[in-house]
């Protein structure tokens, strides 16, 4: 009984080992557009670098806030003096006013007490820098996600294009077979055979180009997503679309509110205003204070005794002349503020143009989908009639080849229209600031 059980277990284990590759293939997870974008956001090194920029900007905020806190330092020193001041009164022993060996140890705190809000403006500028870094990160995420979308659907488009070419090659091979038989019976010429073979060779050459382009796009997609070379790309998606209308006015309004470039332009303008505020305060007085506590010698009456001491001070600094540096900084800050406002206006115009152009492209692709569907149906019917006529000796081989080429072109035009509509849908989301990841 044990031998039978052991043999059964071995057979089951062997069967499991033999079927493991099939199980692994069956368990391979498909790569959808959603997962593709998620992999880009998770693995792309450019996004990791942009995230580090955000953390660096956050650290700069802490650095700027340090100006509100006292700067505390500790110091200790030894100084040897020779000679030192001394005198004698009426033959008395020499009286020293300072020791030869001088010791000092102290803790000092220094702080700016009043600077007309310059520190606060510096902190606000650092906060704006962090917002700018965050928005730059989101722009990088959006652009890389959009690039992944283009690659994903580009690979699908090439894959469907290859299918169209394979269908054409299959039809041409079938025609070549029939033409060869007719040539052998004397019903066709050698030119008819050669014409068909040339069309087949051209289609195969195009197939090679398509496969190379697919490989190139797959390599780029792997780089964006971090997918290893030994992991197959099981891309799953389609160009199934339902054309819809879009209102230009509402989309433009939404784009001006949500587009990341507009938010970034606003932050740049705000930063320029803050920089000008800082420049305008550079020539104003600054009041600072300091306090020190420590131990030292050299104090009367016993100059060698180490004693505690305290020093406090207030300091008023009024800039009088800086070699025209302050006025030049103010002029620079004002010019940068005007430049930021001009760039913001240019960004607004660019956003409006992007939305209008994309809506028109969508409408064009939608119209092409309708017209190419009719063209495909007509081309299929014409190809079927041409095959029947050619087989019955009514049509020439040139008629057959032309109708097969027309069918492939019509199917490719329909595929291109579907691809253009899908891509322009994502382009419109990108143009209006809609999140699509």
Protein backbone atom coordinates (compact mmCIF):
# COMPACT_ATOMS: atom_id res chain seq x y z
CA UNK A 1 0.00 0.00 0.00
CA UNK A 2 2.83 2.39 0.88
CA UNK A 3 4.62 1.57 -2.39
CA UNK A 4 1.46 2.41 -4.35
CA UNK A 5 1.01 5.66 -2.45
CA UNK A 6 4.66 6.61 -2.96
CA UNK A 7 4.43 5.86 -6.69
CA UNK A 8 1.28 7.96 -6.98
CA UNK A 9 2.96 10.91 -5.26
CA UNK A 10 5.96 10.63 -7.57
CA UNK A 11 3.77 10.57 -10.66
CA UNK A 12 1.83 13.59 -9.42
CA UNK A 13 5.03 15.49 -8.64
CA UNK A 14 6.47 14.67 -12.07
CA UNK A 15 3.28 15.79 -13.79
CA UNK A 16 3.33 19.05 -11.80
CA UNK A 17 6.95 19.70 -12.77
CA UNK A 18 6.23 19.04 -16.45
CA UNK A 19 3.19 21.29 -16.40
CA UNK A 20 4.91 24.10 -14.44
CA UNK A 21 5.91 26.10 -17.54
CA UNK A 22 2.32 25.95 -18.76
CA UNK A 23 1.05 27.06 -15.37
CA UNK A 24 3.54 29.91 -15.32
CA UNK A 25 2.46 31.00 -18.78
CA UNK A 26 -1.17 30.79 -17.80
CA UNK A 27 -0.52 32.78 -14.66
CA UNK A 28 1.26 35.55 -16.60
CA UNK A 29 -0.48 38.75 -15.72
CA UNK A 30 -1.65 40.87 -18.67
CA UNK A 31 -0.21 44.35 -19.06
CA UNK A 32 -3.12 46.78 -19.25
CA UNK A 33 -2.87 50.52 -19.78
CA UNK A 34 -3.66 51.12 -16.10
CA UNK A 35 -0.89 48.78 -14.94
CA UNK A 36 1.54 50.27 -17.46
CA UNK A 37 1.04 53.76 -16.04
CA UNK A 38 1.28 52.44 -12.48
CA UNK A 39 4.64 50.80 -13.28
CA UNK A 40 5.94 54.05 -14.75
CA UNK A 41 4.97 55.97 -11.60
CA UNK A 42 6.58 53.32 -9.41
CA UNK A 43 9.82 52.50 -11.22
CA UNK A 44 10.85 55.39 -13.44
CA UNK A 45 14.15 56.93 -12.20
CA UNK A 46 13.24 60.42 -13.46
CA UNK A 47 10.24 60.45 -11.12
CA UNK A 48 12.40 59.27 -8.24
CA UNK A 49 14.78 62.16 -8.93
CA UNK A 50 11.85 64.62 -9.00
CA UNK A 51 10.64 63.22 -5.66
CA UNK A 52 14.09 63.88 -4.21
CA UNK A 53 13.83 67.46 -5.49
CA UNK A 54 10.61 67.86 -3.48
CA UNK A 55 12.34 66.59 -0.34
CA UNK A 56 15.22 68.98 -0.97
CA UNK A 57 12.78 71.88 -1.33
CA UNK A 58 11.15 70.88 1.97
CA UNK A 59 14.58 70.94 3.62
CA UNK A 60 15.11 74.47 2.26
CA UNK A 61 11.98 75.60 4.10
CA UNK A 62 13.49 74.40 7.36
CA UNK A 63 16.72 76.18 6.48
CA UNK A 64 14.91 79.48 5.89
CA UNK A 65 12.98 79.16 9.16
CA UNK A 66 16.24 78.86 11.08
CA UNK A 67 16.61 82.65 10.83
CA UNK A 68 13.78 83.00 13.39
CA UNK A 69 15.75 81.02 15.99
CA UNK A 70 18.80 82.16 17.91
CA UNK A 71 22.11 80.87 16.64
CA UNK A 72 23.90 79.32 19.62
CA UNK A 73 27.59 78.51 19.66
CA UNK A 74 30.16 77.53 22.23
CA UNK A 75 33.82 78.54 22.24
CA UNK A 76 36.91 78.15 24.40
CA UNK A 77 40.37 79.61 24.08
CA UNK A 78 43.73 80.23 25.64
CA UNK A 79 45.94 83.27 25.06
CA UNK A 80 49.43 83.93 26.37
CA UNK A 81 50.46 87.61 26.73
CA UNK A 82 53.96 88.91 27.37
CA UNK A 83 54.60 91.58 28.43
CA UNK A 84 51.47 92.64 30.27
CA UNK A 85 50.63 96.00 31.77
CA UNK A 86 52.05 96.39 35.31
CA UNK A 87 53.12 99.12 37.71
CA UNK A 88 54.58 99.68 41.16
CA UNK A 89 53.49 102.31 43.66
CA UNK A 90 56.03 103.61 46.22
CA UNK A 91 58.26 100.56 46.09
CA UNK A 92 55.44 98.05 46.45
CA UNK A 93 55.54 94.80 44.49
CA UNK A 94 54.68 95.04 40.81
CA UNK A 95 50.95 95.05 40.18
CA UNK A 96 49.80 93.28 36.98
CA UNK A 97 46.65 94.47 35.23
CA UNK A 98 46.36 91.33 33.10
CA UNK A 99 47.63 87.80 33.51
CA UNK A 100 50.11 86.19 31.18
CA UNK A 101 47.89 83.10 30.86
CA UNK A 102 44.37 84.00 29.73
CA UNK A 103 41.54 81.46 29.66
CA UNK A 104 38.05 81.86 28.29
CA UNK A 105 35.05 79.59 27.74
CA UNK A 106 31.59 80.84 26.82
CA UNK A 107 28.23 80.08 25.20
CA UNK A 108 26.86 82.76 22.89
CA UNK A 109 23.37 83.22 21.47
CA UNK A 110 22.77 85.62 18.57
CA UNK A 111 19.40 86.44 17.04
CA UNK A 112 17.86 88.88 14.59
CA UNK A 113 15.18 90.79 16.48
CA UNK A 114 13.64 92.86 13.72
CA UNK A 115 14.24 93.01 9.94
CA UNK A 116 10.99 94.42 8.51
CA UNK A 117 9.65 90.96 7.55
CA UNK A 118 12.56 89.88 5.36
CA UNK A 119 12.84 86.51 7.12
CA UNK A 120 9.15 85.86 6.64
CA UNK A 121 9.39 86.64 2.94
CA UNK A 122 12.34 84.25 2.65
CA UNK A 123 10.28 81.46 4.25
CA UNK A 124 7.38 82.18 1.90
CA UNK A 125 9.74 82.00 -1.06
CA UNK A 126 11.02 78.61 0.13
CA UNK A 127 7.42 77.36 0.47
CA UNK A 128 6.72 78.49 -3.07
CA UNK A 129 9.83 76.60 -4.16
CA UNK A 130 8.42 73.43 -2.64
CA UNK A 131 5.09 73.92 -4.44
CA UNK A 132 7.01 74.45 -7.67
CA UNK A 133 8.96 71.22 -7.11
CA UNK A 134 5.73 69.31 -6.37
CA UNK A 135 4.08 70.63 -9.52
CA UNK A 136 7.18 69.82 -11.56
CA UNK A 137 6.95 66.27 -10.18
CA UNK A 138 3.30 66.04 -11.23
CA UNK A 139 4.16 67.37 -14.69
CA UNK A 140 6.86 64.71 -15.01
CA UNK A 141 4.39 62.05 -13.92
CA UNK A 142 1.83 63.26 -16.43
CA UNK A 143 4.29 63.52 -19.32
CA UNK A 144 5.83 60.10 -18.64
CA UNK A 145 2.36 58.58 -18.24
CA UNK A 146 1.32 60.12 -21.55
CA UNK A 147 4.48 58.78 -23.17
CA UNK A 148 3.61 55.34 -21.79
CA UNK A 149 0.10 55.69 -23.26
CA UNK A 150 1.57 56.53 -26.68
CA UNK A 151 3.93 53.55 -26.51
CA UNK A 152 1.23 51.17 -25.25
CA UNK A 153 -1.25 52.02 -27.99
CA UNK A 154 1.56 52.40 -30.52
CA UNK A 155 2.54 48.77 -29.89
CA UNK A 156 -1.11 47.73 -30.20
CA UNK A 157 -1.39 49.69 -33.45
CA UNK A 158 1.70 48.01 -34.90
CA UNK A 159 0.42 44.63 -33.77
CA UNK A 160 -2.89 45.22 -35.56
CA UNK A 161 -1.01 46.58 -38.56
CA UNK A 162 1.03 43.37 -38.71
CA UNK A 163 -2.24 41.41 -38.63
CA UNK A 164 -3.49 43.41 -41.63
CA UNK A 165 -0.25 42.70 -43.49
CA UNK A 166 -0.48 39.01 -42.64
CA UNK A 167 -4.00 38.89 -44.05
CA UNK A 168 -2.81 40.60 -47.23
CA UNK A 169 0.13 38.22 -47.55
CA UNK A 170 -2.17 35.23 -47.02
CA UNK A 171 -4.54 36.51 -49.71
CA UNK A 172 -1.62 37.20 -52.08
CA UNK A 173 -0.17 33.73 -51.46
CA UNK A 174 -3.52 32.22 -52.29
CA UNK A 175 -3.64 34.33 -55.44
CA UNK A 176 -0.07 33.31 -56.27
CA UNK A 177 -0.99 29.67 -55.92
CA UNK A 178 -3.94 30.08 -58.28
CA UNK A 179 -1.89 32.21 -60.70
CA UNK A 180 0.89 29.59 -60.77
CA UNK A 181 -1.63 26.90 -61.66
CA UNK A 182 -3.01 29.07 -64.46
CA UNK A 183 0.53 29.78 -65.67
CA UNK A 184 1.27 26.07 -65.79
CA UNK A 185 -1.82 25.51 -67.91
CA UNK A 186 -1.00 28.47 -70.15
CA UNK A 187 -3.93 30.63 -68.97
CA UNK A 188 -1.61 33.19 -67.36
CA UNK A 189 1.74 34.73 -68.18
CA UNK A 190 5.03 34.72 -66.31
CA UNK A 191 4.53 38.46 -65.74
CA UNK A 192 1.36 37.71 -63.76
CA UNK A 193 3.32 35.37 -61.47
CA UNK A 194 6.16 37.85 -61.04
CA UNK A 195 3.73 40.72 -60.29
CA UNK A 196 2.16 38.70 -57.48
CA UNK A 197 5.55 37.68 -56.11
CA UNK A 198 6.68 41.34 -56.08
CA UNK A 199 3.59 42.35 -54.10
CA UNK A 200 4.25 39.56 -51.63
CA UNK A 201 7.89 40.61 -51.24
CA UNK A 202 6.86 44.23 -50.67
CA UNK A 203 4.34 43.17 -48.02
CA UNK A 204 6.95 41.02 -46.27
CA UNK A 205 9.43 43.90 -46.33
CA UNK A 206 6.86 46.14 -44.72
CA UNK A 207 6.24 43.41 -42.14
CA UNK A 208 9.95 43.44 -41.23
CA UNK A 209 9.85 47.22 -40.74
CA UNK A 210 6.79 46.93 -38.54
CA UNK A 211 8.38 44.25 -36.38
CA UNK A 212 11.50 46.37 -35.96
CA UNK A 213 9.41 49.38 -34.93
CA UNK A 214 7.45 47.24 -32.49
CA UNK A 215 10.71 46.03 -30.92
CA UNK A 216 11.98 49.61 -30.63
CA UNK A 217 8.81 50.77 -28.89
CA UNK A 218 8.80 47.75 -26.62
CA UNK A 219 12.38 48.52 -25.52
CA UNK A 220 11.38 52.11 -24.75
CA UNK A 221 8.33 50.93 -22.82
CA UNK A 222 10.49 48.56 -20.78
CA UNK A 223 12.82 51.44 -19.93
CA UNK A 224 9.93 53.62 -18.77
CA UNK A 225 8.22 50.92 -16.73
CA UNK A 226 11.27 49.06 -15.42
CA UNK A 227 10.08 45.73 -16.88
CA UNK A 228 13.03 43.34 -17.27
CA UNK A 229 14.07 42.10 -20.71
CA UNK A 230 13.33 38.47 -19.81
CA UNK A 231 9.73 39.26 -18.84
CA UNK A 232 7.32 39.00 -21.80
CA UNK A 233 5.13 41.99 -22.60
CA UNK A 234 1.62 40.54 -22.55
CA UNK A 235 -0.05 43.76 -23.67
CA UNK A 236 -3.83 43.65 -23.64
CA UNK A 237 -5.98 46.48 -24.96
CA UNK A 238 -8.14 47.53 -27.86
CA UNK A 239 -9.17 50.50 -29.95
CA UNK A 240 -12.85 50.09 -29.16
CA UNK A 241 -14.06 53.70 -29.03
CA UNK A 242 -17.36 55.54 -28.89
CA UNK A 243 -16.98 59.03 -30.39
CA UNK A 244 -18.53 61.80 -28.27
CA UNK A 245 -18.82 65.57 -28.57
CA UNK A 246 -16.93 68.13 -26.47
CA UNK A 247 -17.76 71.70 -25.49
CA UNK A 248 -14.81 73.97 -26.20
CA UNK A 249 -15.72 76.74 -23.73
CA UNK A 250 -16.13 74.50 -20.70
CA UNK A 251 -12.97 72.55 -21.48
CA UNK A 252 -10.90 75.73 -21.81
CA UNK A 253 -12.22 76.99 -18.48
CA UNK A 254 -11.43 73.66 -16.85
CA UNK A 255 -7.95 73.63 -18.41
CA UNK A 256 -7.11 77.12 -17.11
CA UNK A 257 -8.07 75.97 -13.62
CA UNK A 258 -6.53 72.48 -13.59
CA UNK A 259 -3.64 72.48 -16.07
CA UNK A 260 -0.36 71.90 -14.24
CA UNK A 261 1.48 74.38 -16.43
CA UNK A 262 -0.94 77.10 -15.32
CA UNK A 263 -0.42 76.23 -11.67
CA UNK A 264 3.34 76.25 -12.20
CA UNK A 265 3.15 79.63 -13.97
CA UNK A 266 1.17 81.02 -11.02
CA UNK A 267 3.81 79.78 -8.61
CA UNK A 268 6.61 81.29 -10.71
CA UNK A 269 4.78 84.62 -10.69
CA UNK A 270 4.25 84.37 -6.94
CA UNK A 271 7.92 83.51 -6.40
CA UNK A 272 8.99 86.52 -8.48
CA UNK A 273 6.78 88.78 -6.34
CA UNK A 274 8.28 87.35 -3.17
CA UNK A 275 11.80 87.78 -4.54
CA UNK A 276 11.03 91.43 -5.26
CA UNK A 277 9.65 91.86 -1.73
CA UNK A 278 12.93 90.50 -0.34
CA UNK A 279 14.95 92.80 -2.61
CA UNK A 280 12.96 95.83 -1.49
CA UNK A 281 13.76 95.02 2.15
CA UNK A 282 17.49 94.54 1.61
CA UNK A 283 18.27 98.23 2.21
CA UNK A 284 16.30 98.49 5.49
CA UNK A 285 17.83 98.50 8.99
CA UNK A 286 18.31 95.27 10.91
CA UNK A 287 18.25 95.00 14.70
CA UNK A 288 20.02 92.03 16.23
CA UNK A 289 21.03 91.03 19.73
CA UNK A 290 23.45 88.68 21.36
CA UNK A 291 24.10 87.27 24.82
CA UNK A 292 27.13 85.35 26.10
CA UNK A 293 27.68 83.47 29.33
CA UNK A 294 30.94 81.85 30.34
CA UNK A 295 34.04 81.84 32.52
CA UNK A 296 37.29 83.78 32.15
CA UNK A 297 40.20 85.18 34.13
CA UNK A 298 41.83 88.61 34.00
CA UNK A 299 39.20 90.38 36.10
CA UNK A 300 40.15 92.56 39.04
CA UNK A 301 40.92 92.28 41.87
CA UNK A 302 42.38 88.78 41.34
CA UNK A 303 43.33 88.56 37.68
CA UNK A 304 44.25 84.88 37.92
CA UNK A 305 40.90 83.80 39.33
CA UNK A 306 38.54 82.20 36.84
CA UNK A 307 35.13 83.78 37.28
CA UNK A 308 31.73 83.68 35.64
CA UNK A 309 30.76 86.54 33.39
CA UNK A 310 27.82 87.63 31.21
CA UNK A 311 27.77 89.90 28.17
CA UNK A 312 24.67 91.24 26.42
CA UNK A 313 24.42 93.56 23.41
CA UNK A 314 22.03 95.11 20.90
CA UNK A 315 23.17 95.92 17.41
CA UNK A 316 21.54 98.25 14.87
CA UNK A 317 22.80 98.02 11.28
CA UNK A 318 21.70 100.64 8.76
CA UNK A 319 22.91 100.08 5.18
CA UNK A 320 24.05 103.39 3.73
CA UNK A 321 25.80 102.47 0.48
CA UNK A 322 26.33 99.08 -1.16
CA UNK A 323 27.92 100.10 -4.44
CA UNK A 324 24.49 100.21 -6.17
CA UNK A 325 24.00 96.51 -5.43
CA UNK A 326 20.67 96.99 -3.64
CA UNK A 327 19.14 99.10 -6.41
CA UNK A 328 20.36 96.65 -9.06
CA UNK A 329 18.81 93.71 -7.15
CA UNK A 330 15.50 95.58 -7.01
CA UNK A 331 15.61 96.28 -10.74
CA UNK A 332 16.39 92.63 -11.42
CA UNK A 333 13.53 91.42 -9.19
CA UNK A 334 11.08 93.80 -10.86
CA UNK A 335 12.13 92.63 -14.33
CA UNK A 336 11.79 88.98 -13.31
CA UNK A 337 8.32 89.66 -11.94
CA UNK A 338 7.23 91.21 -15.25
CA UNK A 339 8.80 88.28 -17.13
CA UNK A 340 6.87 85.79 -14.98
CA UNK A 341 3.63 87.62 -15.72
CA UNK A 342 4.36 87.51 -19.47
CA UNK A 343 5.14 83.77 -19.32
CA UNK A 344 1.91 83.18 -17.44
CA UNK A 345 -0.04 84.98 -20.19
CA UNK A 346 1.79 82.94 -22.85
CA UNK A 347 0.93 79.74 -20.96
CA UNK A 348 -2.75 80.73 -20.92
CA UNK A 349 -2.70 81.22 -24.69
CA UNK A 350 -0.89 77.90 -25.16
CA UNK A 351 -3.46 76.08 -23.02
CA UNK A 352 -6.34 77.53 -25.04
CA UNK A 353 -4.59 76.60 -28.28
CA UNK A 354 -3.90 73.03 -27.08
CA UNK A 355 -7.54 72.46 -26.15
CA UNK A 356 -8.89 73.87 -29.42
CA UNK A 357 -6.41 71.91 -31.53
CA UNK A 358 -7.07 68.64 -29.70
CA UNK A 359 -10.85 69.00 -29.96
CA UNK A 360 -10.51 69.53 -33.71
CA UNK A 361 -8.22 66.50 -33.98
CA UNK A 362 -10.75 64.41 -32.06
CA UNK A 363 -13.58 65.50 -34.33
CA UNK A 364 -11.45 64.74 -37.39
CA UNK A 365 -10.62 61.25 -36.07
CA UNK A 366 -14.29 60.67 -35.26
CA UNK A 367 -15.32 61.60 -38.82
CA UNK A 368 -12.59 59.37 -40.23
CA UNK A 369 -13.82 56.42 -38.18
CA UNK A 370 -17.22 56.70 -39.87
CA UNK A 371 -15.84 57.12 -43.39
CA UNK A 372 -13.19 54.40 -43.07
CA UNK A 373 -15.77 51.90 -41.85
CA UNK A 374 -17.65 52.41 -45.11
CA UNK A 375 -14.40 52.15 -47.07
CA UNK A 376 -13.51 48.85 -45.39
CA UNK A 377 -16.91 47.34 -46.21
CA UNK A 378 -16.65 48.46 -49.80
CA UNK A 379 -13.06 47.19 -50.10
CA UNK A 380 -14.03 43.79 -48.67
CA UNK A 381 -16.86 43.49 -51.16
CA UNK A 382 -14.61 44.58 -54.05
CA UNK A 383 -11.89 42.11 -53.03
CA UNK A 384 -14.39 39.24 -52.83
CA UNK A 385 -15.75 40.09 -56.31
CA UNK A 386 -12.24 40.42 -57.73
CA UNK A 387 -11.22 37.02 -56.39
CA UNK A 388 -14.31 35.40 -57.87
CA UNK A 389 -13.85 37.14 -61.22
CA UNK A 390 -10.15 36.27 -61.32
CA UNK A 391 -10.82 32.62 -60.54
CA UNK A 392 -13.35 32.57 -63.38
CA UNK A 393 -10.89 34.21 -65.76
CA UNK A 394 -12.84 37.46 -66.09
CA UNK A 395 -10.43 39.79 -64.19
CA UNK A 396 -6.69 40.18 -64.60
CA UNK A 397 -4.10 39.53 -61.93
CA UNK A 398 -3.51 43.28 -61.75
CA UNK A 399 -7.17 43.79 -60.83
CA UNK A 400 -6.81 41.19 -58.08
CA UNK A 401 -3.63 42.73 -56.69
CA UNK A 402 -5.09 46.24 -56.71
CA UNK A 403 -8.22 45.21 -54.84
CA UNK A 404 -6.20 43.31 -52.23
CA UNK A 405 -3.99 46.37 -51.75
CA UNK A 406 -7.06 48.62 -51.52
CA UNK A 407 -8.52 46.35 -48.83
CA UNK A 408 -5.32 46.49 -46.79
CA UNK A 409 -5.15 50.27 -47.15
CA UNK A 410 -8.77 50.66 -46.08
CA UNK A 411 -8.28 48.44 -43.03
CA UNK A 412 -5.11 50.33 -42.14
CA UNK A 413 -6.90 53.68 -42.54
CA UNK A 414 -9.64 52.47 -40.18
CA UNK A 415 -7.01 51.31 -37.71
CA UNK A 416 -5.21 54.66 -37.91
CA UNK A 417 -8.46 56.54 -37.29
CA UNK A 418 -9.19 54.40 -34.20
CA UNK A 419 -5.62 54.91 -32.95
CA UNK A 420 -5.78 58.66 -33.54
CA UNK A 421 -9.08 58.93 -31.66
CA UNK A 422 -7.77 57.01 -28.63
CA UNK A 423 -4.52 59.00 -28.48
CA UNK A 424 -6.33 62.32 -28.92
CA UNK A 425 -8.68 61.38 -26.09
CA UNK A 426 -5.67 61.10 -23.80
CA UNK A 427 -4.20 64.24 -25.34
CA UNK A 428 -7.38 66.13 -24.46
CA UNK A 429 -7.19 64.87 -20.88
CA UNK A 430 -3.60 66.04 -20.76
CA UNK A 431 -4.51 69.41 -22.28
CA UNK A 432 -7.33 70.03 -19.78
CA UNK A 433 -5.39 68.90 -16.71
CA UNK A 434 -7.51 65.81 -16.15
CA UNK A 435 -5.77 63.02 -14.28
CA UNK A 436 -5.68 59.82 -16.35
CA UNK A 437 -3.39 57.60 -14.25
